[in-house]
Protein backbone atom coordinates (compact mmCIF):
# COMPACT_ATOMS: atom_id res chain seq x y z
CA MET A 1 4.13 3.89 48.21
CA SER A 2 5.45 0.36 48.13
CA GLY A 3 2.03 -0.83 46.89
CA THR A 4 2.14 1.58 43.98
CA ARG A 5 5.70 0.55 43.15
CA HIS A 6 4.69 -3.12 43.31
CA ARG A 7 1.75 -2.44 40.97
CA TRP A 8 3.97 -0.69 38.43
CA ASP A 9 6.66 -3.37 38.68
CA TRP A 10 3.93 -5.91 37.91
CA ASP A 11 2.67 -3.77 35.02
CA ASP A 12 6.23 -3.43 33.69
CA ALA A 13 6.64 -7.18 33.75
CA TRP A 14 3.43 -7.68 31.76
CA MET A 15 4.39 -4.97 29.26
CA ARG A 16 7.84 -6.50 28.74
CA LEU A 17 6.18 -9.86 28.17
CA GLY A 18 3.94 -8.16 25.61
CA VAL A 19 6.97 -6.75 23.79
CA VAL A 20 8.53 -10.22 23.70
CA LEU A 21 5.31 -11.69 22.28
CA LEU A 22 5.17 -8.96 19.63
CA ALA A 23 8.80 -9.66 18.71
CA ALA A 24 7.99 -13.37 18.46
CA TRP A 25 4.98 -12.63 16.22
CA LEU A 26 7.05 -10.44 13.86
CA LEU A 27 9.82 -13.04 13.86
CA LEU A 28 7.33 -15.76 12.97
CA THR A 29 5.44 -13.84 10.27
CA LEU A 30 8.27 -11.88 8.64
CA VAL A 31 11.86 -12.73 9.53
CA LEU A 32 11.78 -16.53 9.62
CA PRO A 33 9.75 -16.92 6.38
CA LEU A 34 12.19 -14.62 4.55
CA ALA A 35 15.14 -16.52 6.00
CA THR A 36 13.57 -19.77 4.78
CA LEU A 37 13.15 -18.27 1.31
CA LEU A 38 16.80 -17.23 1.28
CA ILE A 39 17.92 -20.74 2.20
CA LYS A 40 15.65 -22.23 -0.47
CA SER A 41 17.29 -20.06 -3.13
CA PHE A 42 20.56 -21.93 -2.47
CA GLU A 43 18.99 -25.40 -2.78
CA ASN A 44 17.77 -27.55 -5.65
CA ALA A 45 14.34 -29.15 -6.01
CA ASP A 46 15.43 -32.06 -3.77
CA GLY A 47 16.62 -29.77 -0.99
CA ASP A 48 20.34 -30.33 -1.68
CA TRP A 49 22.67 -27.39 -1.12
CA MET A 50 23.70 -25.78 -4.42
CA GLY A 51 25.50 -22.66 -3.24
CA TRP A 52 25.42 -19.86 -5.79
CA ALA A 53 24.58 -22.20 -8.68
CA ASN A 54 20.93 -21.10 -8.88
CA TYR A 55 21.95 -17.44 -9.03
CA ALA A 56 24.54 -18.25 -11.70
CA VAL A 57 21.83 -19.95 -13.77
CA TYR A 58 19.53 -16.95 -13.32
CA PHE A 59 22.05 -14.32 -14.45
CA SER A 60 23.26 -16.49 -17.33
CA THR A 61 19.73 -17.02 -18.69
CA PRO A 62 19.02 -14.09 -21.06
CA ALA A 63 15.23 -14.28 -20.73
CA LEU A 64 15.36 -14.18 -16.92
CA PHE A 65 18.02 -11.48 -16.75
CA ASP A 66 16.12 -9.35 -19.30
CA SER A 67 13.11 -9.32 -16.96
CA LEU A 68 15.27 -7.64 -14.31
CA TRP A 69 16.25 -4.89 -16.75
CA ASN A 70 12.64 -4.58 -17.93
CA SER A 71 11.42 -4.14 -14.34
CA VAL A 72 14.03 -1.50 -13.54
CA TRP A 73 13.61 0.71 -16.61
CA VAL A 74 9.82 0.50 -16.67
CA SER A 75 9.61 1.34 -12.95
CA GLY A 76 12.02 4.22 -13.47
CA LEU A 77 9.91 5.56 -16.34
CA ILE A 78 6.74 5.27 -14.24
CA THR A 79 8.44 7.23 -11.47
CA VAL A 80 9.60 9.96 -13.87
CA ILE A 81 6.06 10.36 -15.26
CA THR A 82 4.17 10.12 -11.96
CA LEU A 83 6.18 12.55 -9.84
CA PRO A 84 5.63 15.71 -11.95
CA LEU A 85 1.92 14.90 -12.32
CA ALA A 86 1.45 14.24 -8.61
CA TYR A 87 3.56 17.28 -7.63
CA ALA A 88 1.54 19.64 -9.82
CA TYR A 89 -1.72 18.15 -8.50
CA ALA A 90 -0.54 18.45 -4.89
CA TYR A 91 0.61 22.02 -5.57
CA ALA A 92 -2.86 22.85 -6.86
CA LEU A 93 -4.48 21.39 -3.73
CA THR A 94 -2.17 23.17 -1.28
CA ARG A 95 -0.81 26.33 -2.91
CA SER A 96 -3.70 27.65 -4.99
CA ALA A 97 -7.09 29.20 -4.30
CA MET A 98 -8.88 27.20 -7.00
CA ARG A 99 -12.36 25.85 -6.37
CA GLY A 100 -13.30 22.21 -5.92
CA LYS A 101 -10.24 21.06 -3.99
CA THR A 102 -12.20 18.55 -1.91
CA VAL A 103 -13.75 16.96 -4.99
CA PHE A 104 -10.44 16.84 -6.85
CA LYS A 105 -8.70 15.22 -3.89
CA ALA A 106 -11.43 12.60 -3.55
CA LEU A 107 -11.30 11.74 -7.26
CA ALA A 108 -7.51 11.43 -7.18
CA LEU A 109 -7.73 8.82 -4.43
CA ILE A 110 -10.05 6.50 -6.39
CA PRO A 111 -7.26 4.07 -7.41
CA ILE A 112 -6.59 3.22 -3.76
CA LEU A 113 -10.05 1.65 -3.55
CA ALA A 114 -9.50 -0.56 -6.62
CA PRO A 115 -7.34 -3.61 -7.24
CA SER A 116 -4.34 -2.87 -9.44
CA LEU A 117 -5.90 -5.05 -12.15
CA LEU A 118 -8.73 -2.55 -12.79
CA PRO A 119 -6.73 0.03 -14.80
CA ALA A 120 -5.20 -2.76 -16.89
CA ILE A 121 -8.66 -4.14 -17.73
CA SER A 122 -9.94 -0.65 -18.57
CA LEU A 123 -7.03 -0.03 -20.92
CA ILE A 124 -7.79 -3.26 -22.76
CA TYR A 125 -11.32 -1.99 -23.47
CA LEU A 126 -10.00 1.44 -24.41
CA PHE A 127 -6.92 0.59 -26.49
CA GLY A 128 -6.93 -3.20 -26.90
CA ASN A 129 -7.33 -4.99 -30.21
CA GLN A 130 -11.07 -4.22 -30.13
CA GLY A 131 -10.88 -1.10 -27.96
CA VAL A 132 -12.98 1.97 -28.61
CA LEU A 133 -9.87 4.16 -28.98
CA ASN A 134 -7.56 1.60 -30.55
CA HIS A 135 -6.94 3.84 -33.58
CA TRP A 136 -5.31 6.43 -31.30
CA LEU A 137 -2.27 4.16 -30.93
CA MET A 138 -1.61 4.23 -34.71
CA GLY A 139 -0.58 0.59 -34.88
CA ALA A 140 1.16 0.37 -31.52
CA SER A 141 0.06 -2.27 -29.01
CA ILE A 142 -1.24 -1.59 -25.53
CA TYR A 143 -0.06 -5.06 -24.50
CA GLY A 144 3.45 -4.67 -23.11
CA PRO A 145 5.42 -1.80 -21.58
CA LEU A 146 3.03 0.90 -22.83
CA GLY A 147 0.05 -0.66 -21.07
CA ILE A 148 2.06 -1.38 -17.93
CA VAL A 149 3.30 2.21 -17.70
CA ILE A 150 -0.13 3.83 -18.19
CA SER A 151 -1.83 1.43 -15.76
CA GLN A 152 0.89 1.84 -13.15
CA VAL A 153 0.77 5.63 -13.31
CA PHE A 154 -2.95 5.41 -12.53
CA TYR A 155 -2.30 2.93 -9.71
CA VAL A 156 0.62 4.70 -7.96
CA PHE A 157 -0.55 8.31 -8.47
CA PRO A 158 -2.54 8.65 -5.22
CA HIS A 159 0.31 7.21 -3.14
CA ALA A 160 2.68 9.88 -4.42
CA LEU A 161 -0.03 12.54 -4.10
CA MET A 162 -0.64 11.89 -0.39
CA ILE A 163 3.07 12.25 0.42
CA LEU A 164 3.46 15.41 -1.65
CA VAL A 165 0.33 17.04 -0.21
CA VAL A 166 1.85 16.67 3.26
CA ALA A 167 5.22 17.97 2.05
CA LEU A 168 3.73 21.04 0.38
CA SER A 169 1.43 21.78 3.32
CA MET A 170 4.50 22.57 5.43
CA ALA A 171 5.22 26.13 4.32
CA ASP A 172 6.33 29.26 6.18
CA ALA A 173 4.78 32.43 4.74
CA ARG A 174 7.80 34.47 5.90
CA HIS A 175 10.02 32.84 3.27
CA TYR A 176 7.63 33.83 0.50
CA GLU A 177 7.33 37.34 1.88
CA ALA A 178 11.11 37.65 1.86
CA ALA A 179 11.26 36.42 -1.74
CA ARG A 180 8.64 38.96 -2.76
CA VAL A 181 10.48 41.81 -1.02
CA LEU A 182 13.70 40.81 -2.77
CA GLY A 183 11.93 41.02 -6.13
CA ALA A 184 12.06 37.33 -6.98
CA SER A 185 9.77 36.24 -9.80
CA PRO A 186 7.16 33.51 -9.16
CA TRP A 187 9.29 30.99 -11.09
CA ARG A 188 12.44 31.89 -9.15
CA THR A 189 10.50 31.71 -5.89
CA PHE A 190 9.33 28.23 -6.86
CA LEU A 191 12.89 27.10 -7.62
CA THR A 192 14.50 28.63 -4.53
CA VAL A 193 11.77 28.28 -1.88
CA THR A 194 8.99 25.86 -2.84
CA LEU A 195 11.02 23.08 -4.45
CA PRO A 196 13.83 22.95 -1.83
CA GLY A 197 11.22 22.99 0.95
CA SER A 198 9.47 19.95 -0.46
CA LYS A 199 12.48 18.04 -1.81
CA TYR A 200 12.46 15.38 0.90
CA GLY A 201 8.80 14.63 0.27
CA LEU A 202 9.51 14.50 -3.46
CA ILE A 203 12.38 12.04 -2.97
CA SER A 204 10.34 9.90 -0.59
CA ALA A 205 7.43 9.82 -3.04
CA GLY A 206 9.84 8.75 -5.79
CA PHE A 207 11.07 5.79 -3.77
CA VAL A 208 7.51 4.76 -2.89
CA VAL A 209 6.38 4.93 -6.52
CA PHE A 210 9.41 2.98 -7.75
CA THR A 211 8.88 0.26 -5.14
CA LEU A 212 5.16 -0.08 -5.86
CA ALA A 213 5.79 -0.23 -9.61
CA ILE A 214 8.57 -2.81 -9.54
CA THR A 215 6.77 -5.14 -7.13
CA ASP A 216 3.23 -5.09 -8.59
CA PHE A 217 2.06 -8.32 -10.15
CA GLY A 218 -1.55 -7.78 -11.26
CA ILE A 219 -1.02 -5.13 -13.95
CA ALA A 220 1.86 -6.94 -15.65
CA LYS A 221 -0.10 -10.19 -15.55
CA VAL A 222 -3.17 -8.71 -17.25
CA ILE A 223 -1.71 -6.32 -19.81
CA GLY A 224 2.01 -7.16 -19.96
CA GLY A 225 1.66 -9.58 -22.88
CA ARG A 226 5.04 -11.13 -23.66
CA PHE A 227 6.90 -8.37 -21.85
CA ASN A 228 8.42 -10.16 -18.84
CA VAL A 229 9.09 -8.48 -15.50
CA LEU A 230 10.34 -9.90 -12.21
CA ALA A 231 6.89 -10.19 -10.66
CA THR A 232 5.48 -12.28 -13.50
CA ASP A 233 8.68 -14.34 -13.63
CA ILE A 234 8.11 -15.46 -10.03
CA PHE A 235 4.57 -16.51 -10.90
CA LYS A 236 5.72 -18.41 -13.97
CA GLN A 237 8.53 -20.21 -12.13
CA VAL A 238 6.32 -21.26 -9.21
CA ILE A 239 2.90 -21.83 -10.76
CA GLY A 240 3.83 -22.56 -14.38
CA GLN A 241 7.00 -24.61 -14.01
CA GLN A 242 6.86 -25.66 -10.33
CA ASN A 243 10.49 -24.52 -10.08
CA PHE A 244 10.42 -23.31 -6.49
CA SER A 245 14.19 -22.89 -6.16
CA MET A 246 14.37 -20.53 -9.15
CA GLY A 247 11.23 -18.80 -7.89
CA ALA A 248 13.09 -18.16 -4.62
CA VAL A 249 16.03 -16.73 -6.56
CA VAL A 250 13.81 -14.38 -8.56
CA GLY A 251 12.05 -13.44 -5.32
CA PHE A 252 15.29 -12.27 -3.75
CA VAL A 253 16.34 -10.48 -6.91
CA LEU A 254 12.99 -8.63 -6.72
CA LEU A 255 13.51 -7.98 -3.01
CA LEU A 256 16.87 -6.27 -3.59
CA PRO A 257 15.70 -3.09 -5.40
CA ALA A 258 12.74 -2.78 -3.02
CA VAL A 259 15.04 -2.96 0.02
CA LEU A 260 17.49 -0.49 -1.51
CA ALA A 261 14.68 1.97 -2.25
CA PHE A 262 13.34 1.55 1.30
CA ALA A 263 16.80 2.07 2.85
CA ALA A 264 17.36 5.18 0.72
CA ASP A 265 13.95 6.52 1.76
CA ARG A 266 14.80 5.99 5.46
CA TRP A 267 18.13 7.78 4.96
CA VAL A 268 16.44 10.74 3.27
CA GLN A 269 13.86 11.02 6.05
CA HIS A 270 16.57 11.03 8.71
CA ARG A 271 18.27 13.95 6.95
CA GLN A 272 15.06 15.97 6.83
CA VAL A 273 14.95 18.98 9.11
CA ALA A 274 11.97 20.78 10.59
CA LEU A 275 10.45 23.28 8.18
CA LEU A 276 8.14 24.93 10.68
CA SER A 277 9.05 26.48 14.02
CA GLY A 278 7.06 28.12 16.75
CA ARG A 279 7.53 31.47 15.02
CA SER A 280 6.43 30.25 11.60
CA VAL A 281 3.50 31.91 9.86
CA PRO A 282 1.17 29.53 7.98
CA LEU A 283 1.02 30.16 4.26
CA VAL A 284 -2.48 31.03 3.07
CA PRO A 285 -2.76 30.87 -0.74
CA GLN A 286 -4.01 34.10 -2.23
CA PRO A 287 -6.28 34.16 -5.30
CA HIS A 288 -4.45 34.50 -8.59
CA ALA A 289 -6.82 33.97 -11.49
CA PRO A 290 -4.42 32.83 -14.27
CA ARG A 291 -2.60 30.39 -11.97
CA ASP A 292 -5.77 29.09 -10.33
CA TRP A 293 -7.55 28.51 -13.63
CA ALA A 294 -4.51 26.79 -15.15
CA LEU A 295 -4.22 24.46 -12.15
CA TRP A 296 -7.98 23.84 -12.18
CA VAL A 297 -7.80 22.75 -15.82
CA PHE A 298 -4.84 20.48 -15.07
CA CYS A 299 -6.60 18.86 -12.10
CA ALA A 300 -9.77 18.47 -14.16
CA LEU A 301 -7.84 16.60 -16.87
CA VAL A 302 -6.16 14.27 -14.37
CA ALA A 303 -9.39 13.65 -12.46
CA SER A 304 -11.21 13.02 -15.75
CA ALA A 305 -8.61 10.39 -16.64
CA MET A 306 -9.30 8.72 -13.27
CA LEU A 307 -13.03 8.74 -13.95
CA VAL A 308 -12.55 7.42 -17.48
CA MET A 309 -10.57 4.46 -16.13
CA LEU A 310 -13.21 3.68 -13.53
CA GLY A 311 -16.13 4.42 -15.87
CA MET A 312 -14.70 2.19 -18.60
CA ALA A 313 -14.49 -0.73 -16.17
CA VAL A 314 -18.08 -0.15 -15.04
CA TRP A 315 -19.37 0.08 -18.62
CA ALA A 316 -17.43 -2.99 -19.72
CA SER A 317 -18.92 -4.95 -16.82
CA LEU A 318 -22.45 -4.12 -18.04
CA VAL A 319 -22.04 -4.77 -21.78
CA THR A 320 -23.61 -7.97 -23.11
CA ARG A 321 -20.81 -8.96 -25.51
CA TRP A 322 -18.05 -6.55 -26.41
CA PRO A 323 -17.92 -5.14 -29.09
CA TYR A 324 -20.73 -6.94 -30.94
CA ASN A 325 -23.65 -6.40 -28.56
CA LEU A 326 -23.40 -3.24 -26.46
CA ASN A 327 -26.77 -3.66 -24.76
CA LEU A 328 -26.53 -3.38 -20.99
CA THR A 329 -27.01 -6.45 -18.81
CA TRP A 330 -26.27 -7.79 -15.32
CA ALA A 331 -25.18 -11.14 -16.75
CA ASN A 332 -21.49 -10.44 -16.17
CA TYR A 333 -22.18 -10.25 -12.45
CA GLN A 334 -23.40 -13.85 -12.43
CA PHE A 335 -19.91 -14.94 -11.46
CA ALA A 336 -20.84 -18.62 -11.16
CA ASP A 337 -21.09 -18.70 -14.97
CA PHE A 338 -17.43 -17.65 -15.32
CA ASP A 339 -15.65 -19.01 -12.26
CA SER A 340 -16.29 -22.12 -10.19
CA GLU A 341 -16.29 -20.11 -6.96
CA GLY A 342 -18.88 -17.59 -8.15
CA TRP A 343 -19.74 -14.98 -5.53
CA ARG A 344 -18.02 -17.03 -2.81
CA ALA A 345 -14.66 -15.57 -3.85
CA TYR A 346 -16.01 -12.09 -3.12
CA PHE A 347 -17.36 -13.08 0.28
CA ASN A 348 -14.05 -14.77 1.07
CA SER A 349 -12.31 -11.46 0.34
CA LEU A 350 -14.82 -9.61 2.48
CA ARG A 351 -14.34 -12.03 5.36
CA MET A 352 -10.56 -11.88 5.03
CA ALA A 353 -10.58 -8.06 4.92
CA VAL A 354 -12.78 -7.82 8.04
CA TRP A 355 -10.57 -10.23 9.99
CA THR A 356 -7.45 -8.42 8.81
CA ALA A 357 -8.88 -5.08 9.92
CA VAL A 358 -10.00 -6.34 13.34
CA ALA A 359 -7.04 -8.56 14.23
CA GLY A 360 -4.51 -6.26 12.56
CA THR A 361 -5.73 -3.13 14.34
CA VAL A 362 -5.49 -4.84 17.73
CA ILE A 363 -2.02 -6.28 17.06
CA VAL A 364 -0.64 -3.08 15.54
CA PHE A 365 -2.02 -0.61 18.08
CA VAL A 366 -1.30 -2.69 21.18
CA GLY A 367 2.15 -3.50 19.78
CA ALA A 368 2.94 0.15 19.11
CA TYR A 369 1.72 1.05 22.62
CA LEU A 370 4.00 -1.56 24.18
CA LEU A 371 7.01 -0.34 22.22
CA GLU A 372 6.33 3.28 23.13
CA LYS A 373 5.41 2.93 26.81
CA THR A 374 7.54 0.04 28.08
CA ARG A 375 10.34 1.30 30.30
CA GLY A 376 13.87 -0.02 29.73
CA PHE A 377 14.25 -3.26 27.77
CA ALA A 378 15.91 -1.14 25.07
CA TRP A 379 17.61 -3.81 22.96
CA VAL A 380 14.45 -5.91 22.62
CA ARG A 381 12.32 -2.86 21.84
CA ASN A 382 14.79 -1.56 19.25
CA THR A 383 15.04 -4.96 17.57
CA THR A 384 11.26 -5.28 17.50
CA GLN A 385 10.94 -1.76 16.09
CA LEU A 386 13.35 -2.71 13.30
CA MET A 387 11.30 -5.82 12.46
CA ALA A 388 8.12 -3.71 12.45
CA MET A 389 9.62 -1.54 9.70
CA LEU A 390 10.69 -4.54 7.61
CA SER A 391 7.42 -5.38 5.89
CA MET A 392 7.35 -2.08 3.97
CA ALA A 393 10.42 -3.25 2.04
CA VAL A 394 9.09 -6.74 1.27
CA PRO A 395 7.03 -7.18 -1.94
CA GLY A 396 3.80 -9.11 -1.53
CA LEU A 397 4.87 -11.82 -3.97
CA VAL A 398 8.09 -12.40 -2.04
CA LEU A 399 6.29 -12.60 1.29
CA GLY A 400 3.66 -14.96 -0.12
CA LEU A 401 6.32 -17.22 -1.64
CA SER A 402 8.26 -17.29 1.64
CA TYR A 403 5.08 -18.43 3.42
CA ILE A 404 4.90 -21.45 1.10
CA PHE A 405 8.36 -22.64 2.14
CA PHE A 406 7.98 -21.75 5.81
CA PHE A 407 4.45 -22.79 6.80
CA ASN A 408 4.21 -25.68 4.33
CA ALA A 409 7.45 -27.29 5.51
CA PRO A 410 7.04 -30.90 6.71
CA GLY A 411 6.59 -31.06 10.46
CA HIS A 412 5.96 -27.33 10.92
CA PRO A 413 3.84 -26.91 14.10
CA LEU A 414 1.70 -24.24 12.39
CA GLY A 415 1.43 -26.06 9.09
CA PHE A 416 -2.27 -26.67 9.70
CA ILE A 417 -3.05 -23.03 8.82
CA TYR A 418 -1.64 -23.42 5.29
CA GLY A 419 -4.42 -23.12 2.72
CA THR A 420 -6.88 -21.71 5.27
CA MET A 421 -8.30 -18.25 5.85
CA ALA A 422 -5.98 -17.86 8.83
CA ILE A 423 -2.81 -17.76 6.73
CA LEU A 424 -4.35 -15.17 4.40
CA VAL A 425 -5.16 -12.94 7.39
CA VAL A 426 -1.72 -13.42 8.94
CA ASN A 427 -0.05 -12.67 5.62
CA SER A 428 -2.13 -9.53 5.05
CA VAL A 429 -1.48 -8.16 8.55
CA ALA A 430 2.25 -8.81 8.16
CA HIS A 431 2.35 -7.33 4.65
CA PHE A 432 0.64 -4.06 5.61
CA TYR A 433 2.09 -3.82 9.11
CA THR A 434 4.58 -0.98 8.72
CA VAL A 435 2.30 1.86 7.60
CA SER A 436 -0.23 0.92 10.28
CA HIS A 437 2.54 0.80 12.88
CA ILE A 438 3.82 4.25 11.88
CA THR A 439 0.27 5.64 12.13
CA ALA A 440 -0.19 4.20 15.63
CA THR A 441 3.25 5.33 16.79
CA THR A 442 2.67 8.88 15.51
CA ALA A 443 -0.60 9.09 17.44
CA LEU A 444 0.93 7.68 20.64
CA LYS A 445 3.87 10.09 20.51
CA GLN A 446 1.38 12.96 20.78
CA LEU A 447 0.39 11.77 24.27
CA ASP A 448 2.33 13.54 27.01
CA GLY A 449 4.28 11.35 29.42
CA GLU A 450 2.46 13.17 32.23
CA PHE A 451 -0.49 10.84 31.66
CA GLU A 452 1.55 7.90 32.97
CA SER A 453 2.84 9.94 35.91
CA VAL A 454 -0.66 11.03 36.92
CA SER A 455 -2.07 7.50 36.58
CA ALA A 456 0.78 6.16 38.73
CA SER A 457 0.10 8.71 41.46
CA LEU A 458 -3.58 7.78 41.39
CA LYS A 459 -2.69 4.06 41.54
CA VAL A 460 -4.37 3.40 38.17
CA SER A 461 -3.15 0.28 36.35
CA VAL A 462 -1.62 0.46 32.89
CA GLY A 463 -4.48 -1.62 31.48
CA ARG A 464 -7.11 0.74 32.82
CA MET A 465 -5.12 3.75 31.64
CA PHE A 466 -4.91 2.18 28.17
CA GLY A 467 -8.66 1.52 27.96
CA ARG A 468 -9.90 4.74 29.56
CA VAL A 469 -7.46 7.31 28.13
CA THR A 470 -5.12 6.03 25.40
CA VAL A 471 -7.65 4.31 23.15
CA PRO A 472 -10.30 7.09 23.28
CA VAL A 473 -7.72 9.82 22.62
CA CYS A 474 -6.23 7.84 19.73
CA THR A 475 -9.60 6.85 18.24
CA PRO A 476 -8.96 8.65 14.90
CA ALA A 477 -5.69 6.75 14.44
CA VAL A 478 -7.34 3.43 15.38
CA LEU A 479 -10.06 3.97 12.78
CA ASP A 480 -7.50 5.01 10.16
CA ILE A 481 -5.52 1.82 10.77
CA SER A 482 -8.62 -0.34 10.46
CA ILE A 483 -9.77 1.19 7.16
CA TYR A 484 -6.23 1.05 5.76
CA LEU A 485 -5.97 -2.65 6.54
CA PHE A 486 -9.47 -3.40 5.24
CA VAL A 487 -9.06 -1.66 1.88
CA ASN A 488 -5.60 -3.09 1.24
CA ALA A 489 -6.69 -6.61 2.17
CA MET A 490 -9.72 -6.25 -0.09
CA THR A 491 -7.68 -5.14 -3.10
CA THR A 492 -4.43 -7.08 -2.72
CA VAL A 493 -3.48 -9.79 -5.17
CA SER A 494 0.29 -10.26 -5.11
CA ALA A 495 0.51 -11.12 -1.42
CA VAL A 496 -2.14 -13.86 -1.55
CA VAL A 497 -1.90 -15.34 -5.05
CA PHE A 498 0.24 -18.24 -3.79
CA LEU A 499 -1.61 -18.89 -0.53
CA TYR A 500 -5.32 -19.38 -1.14
CA GLY A 501 -6.81 -22.85 -0.77
CA SER A 502 -9.67 -24.69 -2.44
CA ASN A 503 -12.19 -23.00 -0.13
CA THR A 504 -10.48 -19.63 0.30
CA LYS A 505 -10.12 -18.28 -3.22
CA LEU A 506 -10.31 -14.47 -3.17
CA ALA A 507 -11.98 -11.96 -5.46
CA SER A 508 -8.69 -10.51 -6.71
CA VAL A 509 -7.46 -13.99 -7.64
CA SER A 510 -10.78 -14.70 -9.33
CA ILE A 511 -10.25 -11.60 -11.49
CA ILE A 512 -6.96 -13.03 -12.76
CA HIS A 513 -8.47 -16.41 -13.52
CA MET A 514 -11.50 -14.96 -15.33
CA ASP A 515 -9.25 -12.70 -17.40
CA GLU A 516 -7.01 -15.65 -18.29
CA ALA A 517 -10.08 -17.63 -19.38
CA GLY A 518 -11.19 -14.79 -21.67
CA PHE A 519 -14.04 -13.56 -19.45
CA THR A 520 -12.69 -10.02 -19.27
CA ALA A 521 -16.13 -8.45 -18.74
CA ALA A 522 -16.75 -10.66 -15.70
CA ALA A 523 -13.27 -9.78 -14.41
CA ALA A 524 -14.16 -6.09 -14.77
CA ALA A 525 -17.41 -6.73 -12.92
CA MET A 526 -15.59 -8.31 -9.97
CA ALA A 527 -13.15 -5.37 -9.89
CA VAL A 528 -16.10 -2.95 -9.82
CA VAL A 529 -17.67 -4.87 -6.93
CA ILE A 530 -14.42 -4.49 -4.98
CA VAL A 531 -14.33 -0.74 -5.69
CA VAL A 532 -17.96 -0.29 -4.57
CA THR A 533 -17.30 -2.29 -1.40
CA SER A 534 -14.16 -0.34 -0.54
CA ALA A 535 -15.90 2.98 -1.22
CA ALA A 536 -18.91 2.01 0.92
CA VAL A 537 -16.70 0.97 3.83
CA LYS A 538 -14.67 4.16 3.44
CA LEU A 539 -17.90 6.19 3.60
CA ILE A 540 -19.03 4.33 6.73
CA HIS A 541 -15.58 4.96 8.20
CA SER A 542 -15.89 8.71 7.52
CA VAL A 543 -19.32 8.92 9.14
CA LEU A 544 -18.22 6.84 12.12
CA THR A 545 -15.06 8.90 12.54
CA HIS A 546 -17.08 12.13 12.50
CA ARG A 547 -19.52 10.88 15.14
CA LEU A 548 -16.91 9.36 17.42
CA ASN A 549 -14.72 12.43 17.20
CA ARG A 550 -17.51 14.50 18.72
CA SER A 551 -17.53 12.28 21.79
CA THR A 552 -13.88 11.27 22.12
CA GLN A 553 -12.08 14.33 20.72
CA ALA A 554 -13.98 17.12 22.45
CA TRP A 555 -10.80 17.92 24.40
CA ARG A 556 -9.24 19.20 21.17
CA VAL A 557 -11.79 22.03 20.90
CA ARG A 558 -11.30 25.10 23.06
C-alpha cells in the first residue's frame, strides 16, 4: 500500500510541476506581453514615462477618436444583421423537416475555411468601380462601411450559426406539447418557448459576432477605403508612422470593448440553467410543408450568397485582366510575378499551420489534463485556468503588437525567436488557445473519476493511464483541436501581420501586399489556395476521425 501511495505522491509532484510549467507558458505568451504593451502606452518614443498624456492625445484627436465610434457602430450593425440571419438558418437546421440540411450546413461553414480578406476581394469584383454588379449600388460606393458590413456578415455568420445550432438543439418536446394543448399559435409558441429557451445562446452569439467584427483587420484594410476603424488605426500608427506608443494606446482602446464583450458573455453563460433533464423528451421536428419550404428557400438564398462570394473569388483569380480580357488563365497563380516571396509565402503558412496544430494540440490537451486531474494546488490551478481563458478576449492585432514590445526588447532572453517561424507558432497557439482549451476540458470532464481510482488500485502510473485510456477515449476532441488550430493558423492575418520576418512572410500577409500593389487577381488566387488547402485538410480530418472512431470509440456503441 505504501508503494502505491509513494507512486501517486510522485505522480502528483510531476503533475503539479506540469501545472506550474503551463502557468509559466501562459504568463510568458499572454500576460507579460500584454503588461508590456500597457506600460508602453504610458511612455513616449524614447521610453520616458508620460502618464496619461498619450491617452489624452488620442481622445483629443478627432480622426483617432472617430475611428473608435466607427468601429463600435459598424460592429453593432453587423451584429444586428447577422443574428437574425444566423438564428433563422439555425432554426431551419434544427427545428424543421426540410431536405438538404447536411449540404446547407456545410455551405454555411465555408467562410471558416477562408481568410477574412476573401469576401472583401469578392465584393470589389462584384460591386467595385469596375464590378459586374456595380450598377446595383446606384452611385453608392462599396469602399467604406457598406463593404465592411457585407464582408463581415459573410465572415462572422458561421461563428454565430454554430452557437445557435447548439442552443436550438436543446429542446424539450413536453414544452411544445403543453403549448399545443393550451391552444397557443405557432408564433406565440415561438415567442414563449423557443426564443426564451435559446436566449442565452443568442446573447452569446451576439457577443462573439461583435468581438470578431470590431477586432478584424483584413476586411477593413482591403475594402474600408478612407473609413477608419481601430484595427486599421493600429496598423497605420505602427507600420505607417512608426508611432509605437500611440499604437499601444489604440491597441488598449481596441482591447477594452473586446474584454467587456467577453466578460458579459461569461456572465451570461454563468446565469444559464439546464434546459434538459433526465425526464426530458427530445424534440423531433414534424413535417410542415409551408414552413419547411419557406425555410428551404431562405437557406438556399443564404447558401447561394456564400457560393457567390467564393465563386467570385475563384473566377477573379482565373481571369486574364479584369474587366478587359475575361479569358481564363493560370497566370495569376504565378505568385512570383506579383510578390517577391512567390509560393514560399504559402508554404510558410502551411508550415506554420502544421506546427501550430501539432505543438498547440499537445500543449492544450496536456495542459487541460493537468488542470483537470491534479489534486489540490487549487490557487495555482485556478489562476492558470483564468489565464487560459484570457486569449479569447485579446484581439490578434493587440497580441501581435504586444509581442513586438515584449520579445523584441533589448536583452530579452528569448529575443532570438523574434522574426522567426517560432514566434509565429507561439503567437498562433496563444491566440487560439481558449477555444481549444474549452474543447479539451469538455472532453476530459466526461471521463469518470473512477478511472483514476481503478488505475491507482492496479498500480498504474498517471502517464500510462493518460496514454492508454485518456488519449484514446478523447481522440475526437484531440482531432477537433488540431483541425481548429490548423485552419485558424492558415487563415489568420491580424495576429501575425506585425511578426513575420524576411524569410517567414505568410500567405495572408502576401494577400494584403498584392492587393495594395494593385494585383487584386493574384490576391484572390492566394485566398483561393488557402480555402482549397483548408478544405482538403478538413476532408482528411473527417475521414481520419471516422476511421479512428471505429477503433477508439467502439465503447460508445452498445
